[in-house]
Amino acid sequence: MLFLVAALLLLGVVLGTVAHAPLSFSVAAGAVIALWLGGFALRERHGRRRGTSAH
């Protein structure tokens, strides 16, 4: 429950920051985050196909 409260508080801070930032900055930051997450997903999928585990 405490984790959920902390996550919602962090989300509120981030959304508040985005609301005051210029639209072009928000879009650029969103694109960078989306590319980063996409790269991470591809790396994870490629690693699982080889059958190697990081653990």
N, C-alpha and C. Protein backbone atom coordinates (compact mmCIF):
# COMPACT_ATOMS: atom_id res chain seq x y z
N MET A 1 0.82 -1.19 0.00
CA MET A 1 0.00 0.00 0.00
C MET A 1 0.87 1.26 0.00
N LEU A 2 1.93 1.22 0.77
CA LEU A 2 2.83 2.37 0.82
C LEU A 2 3.48 2.60 -0.54
N PHE A 3 3.81 1.51 -1.24
CA PHE A 3 4.39 1.63 -2.57
C PHE A 3 3.42 2.32 -3.52
N LEU A 4 2.15 1.97 -3.42
CA LEU A 4 1.13 2.58 -4.28
C LEU A 4 1.00 4.08 -4.00
N VAL A 5 1.01 4.46 -2.75
CA VAL A 5 0.94 5.88 -2.39
C VAL A 5 2.16 6.62 -2.92
N ALA A 6 3.34 6.04 -2.78
CA ALA A 6 4.55 6.68 -3.28
C ALA A 6 4.52 6.81 -4.80
N ALA A 7 4.03 5.77 -5.49
CA ALA A 7 3.95 5.82 -6.95
C ALA A 7 2.97 6.89 -7.40
N LEU A 8 1.83 7.01 -6.74
CA LEU A 8 0.87 8.05 -7.10
C LEU A 8 1.41 9.45 -6.82
N LEU A 9 2.14 9.60 -5.72
CA LEU A 9 2.75 10.89 -5.41
C LEU A 9 3.78 11.27 -6.48
N LEU A 10 4.61 10.32 -6.88
CA LEU A 10 5.60 10.58 -7.92
C LEU A 10 4.93 10.91 -9.25
N LEU A 11 3.85 10.19 -9.57
CA LEU A 11 3.10 10.48 -10.80
C LEU A 11 2.54 11.89 -10.77
N GLY A 12 2.02 12.31 -9.64
CA GLY A 12 1.50 13.67 -9.52
C GLY A 12 2.58 14.72 -9.71
N VAL A 13 3.76 14.48 -9.17
CA VAL A 13 4.86 15.43 -9.34
C VAL A 13 5.28 15.50 -10.80
N VAL A 14 5.39 14.35 -11.44
CA VAL A 14 5.81 14.31 -12.85
C VAL A 14 4.76 14.99 -13.74
N LEU A 15 3.48 14.69 -13.52
CA LEU A 15 2.44 15.31 -14.33
C LEU A 15 2.37 16.81 -14.09
N GLY A 16 2.61 17.23 -12.86
CA GLY A 16 2.64 18.66 -12.57
C GLY A 16 3.78 19.35 -13.30
N THR A 17 4.92 18.69 -13.38
CA THR A 17 6.06 19.25 -14.09
C THR A 17 5.78 19.35 -15.58
N VAL A 18 5.18 18.32 -16.14
CA VAL A 18 4.87 18.31 -17.57
C VAL A 18 3.84 19.38 -17.91
N ALA A 19 2.92 19.65 -17.00
CA ALA A 19 1.89 20.65 -17.25
C ALA A 19 2.49 22.05 -17.39
N HIS A 20 3.62 22.30 -16.74
CA HIS A 20 4.25 23.61 -16.79
C HIS A 20 5.36 23.70 -17.83
N ALA A 21 5.74 22.59 -18.41
CA ALA A 21 6.79 22.58 -19.42
C ALA A 21 6.18 22.90 -20.79
N PRO A 22 6.98 23.44 -21.69
CA PRO A 22 6.48 23.68 -23.05
C PRO A 22 6.11 22.37 -23.74
N LEU A 23 5.14 22.44 -24.64
CA LEU A 23 4.65 21.25 -25.32
C LEU A 23 5.76 20.55 -26.10
N SER A 24 6.61 21.31 -26.77
CA SER A 24 7.68 20.69 -27.57
C SER A 24 8.64 19.91 -26.68
N PHE A 25 8.93 20.43 -25.50
CA PHE A 25 9.81 19.72 -24.57
C PHE A 25 9.15 18.43 -24.09
N SER A 26 7.86 18.50 -23.77
CA SER A 26 7.14 17.32 -23.30
C SER A 26 7.11 16.23 -24.37
N VAL A 27 6.88 16.63 -25.61
CA VAL A 27 6.84 15.66 -26.71
C VAL A 27 8.22 15.05 -26.92
N ALA A 28 9.26 15.88 -26.88
CA ALA A 28 10.62 15.38 -27.07
C ALA A 28 11.00 14.42 -25.94
N ALA A 29 10.68 14.77 -24.71
CA ALA A 29 10.99 13.89 -23.58
C ALA A 29 10.21 12.58 -23.69
N GLY A 30 8.97 12.65 -24.11
CA GLY A 30 8.17 11.44 -24.29
C GLY A 30 8.74 10.55 -25.37
N ALA A 31 9.23 11.16 -26.45
CA ALA A 31 9.83 10.38 -27.54
C ALA A 31 11.11 9.70 -27.07
N VAL A 32 11.92 10.39 -26.30
CA VAL A 32 13.16 9.80 -25.79
C VAL A 32 12.84 8.62 -24.88
N ILE A 33 11.87 8.79 -24.00
CA ILE A 33 11.49 7.70 -23.10
C ILE A 33 10.93 6.52 -23.88
N ALA A 34 10.11 6.79 -24.90
CA ALA A 34 9.55 5.71 -25.71
C ALA A 34 10.64 4.95 -26.46
N LEU A 35 11.63 5.65 -26.99
CA LEU A 35 12.75 4.99 -27.67
C LEU A 35 13.56 4.14 -26.70
N TRP A 36 13.79 4.68 -25.51
CA TRP A 36 14.54 3.95 -24.50
C TRP A 36 13.81 2.67 -24.11
N LEU A 37 12.51 2.76 -23.87
CA LEU A 37 11.74 1.58 -23.51
C LEU A 37 11.66 0.58 -24.67
N GLY A 38 11.56 1.09 -25.90
CA GLY A 38 11.54 0.21 -27.06
C GLY A 38 12.86 -0.53 -27.22
N GLY A 39 13.97 0.18 -27.03
CA GLY A 39 15.29 -0.46 -27.09
C GLY A 39 15.46 -1.51 -26.01
N PHE A 40 14.97 -1.21 -24.82
CA PHE A 40 15.05 -2.17 -23.74
C PHE A 40 14.22 -3.43 -24.07
N ALA A 41 13.02 -3.22 -24.60
CA ALA A 41 12.16 -4.36 -24.95
C ALA A 41 12.80 -5.23 -26.03
N LEU A 42 13.39 -4.59 -27.03
CA LEU A 42 14.05 -5.36 -28.09
C LEU A 42 15.25 -6.14 -27.55
N ARG A 43 16.02 -5.51 -26.67
CA ARG A 43 17.18 -6.19 -26.08
C ARG A 43 16.74 -7.39 -25.24
N GLU A 44 15.67 -7.21 -24.48
CA GLU A 44 15.16 -8.31 -23.68
C GLU A 44 14.64 -9.44 -24.56
N ARG A 45 13.90 -9.09 -25.60
CA ARG A 45 13.35 -10.13 -26.50
C ARG A 45 14.48 -10.86 -27.21
N HIS A 46 15.50 -10.13 -27.65
CA HIS A 46 16.63 -10.76 -28.34
C HIS A 46 17.39 -11.68 -27.38
N GLY A 47 17.56 -11.27 -26.15
CA GLY A 47 18.26 -12.09 -25.17
C GLY A 47 17.51 -13.35 -24.83
N ARG A 48 16.20 -13.29 -24.80
CA ARG A 48 15.39 -14.48 -24.47
C ARG A 48 15.36 -15.46 -25.63
N ARG A 49 15.47 -14.97 -26.85
CA ARG A 49 15.47 -15.88 -28.01
C ARG A 49 16.70 -16.76 -28.04
N ARG A 50 17.83 -16.21 -27.60
CA ARG A 50 19.07 -16.98 -27.59
C ARG A 50 19.07 -18.05 -26.51
N GLY A 51 18.18 -17.91 -25.55
CA GLY A 51 18.11 -18.90 -24.49
C GLY A 51 19.07 -18.64 -23.35
N THR A 52 19.74 -17.50 -23.37
CA THR A 52 20.63 -17.17 -22.27
C THR A 52 19.86 -16.38 -21.25
N SER A 53 20.21 -16.57 -20.01
CA SER A 53 19.54 -15.87 -18.93
C SER A 53 20.56 -15.01 -18.21
N ALA A 54 20.13 -13.84 -17.79
CA ALA A 54 21.02 -12.94 -17.08
C ALA A 54 21.15 -13.32 -15.62
N HIS A 55 20.33 -14.24 -15.15
CA HIS A 55 20.34 -14.61 -13.73
C HIS A 55 21.19 -15.84 -13.50
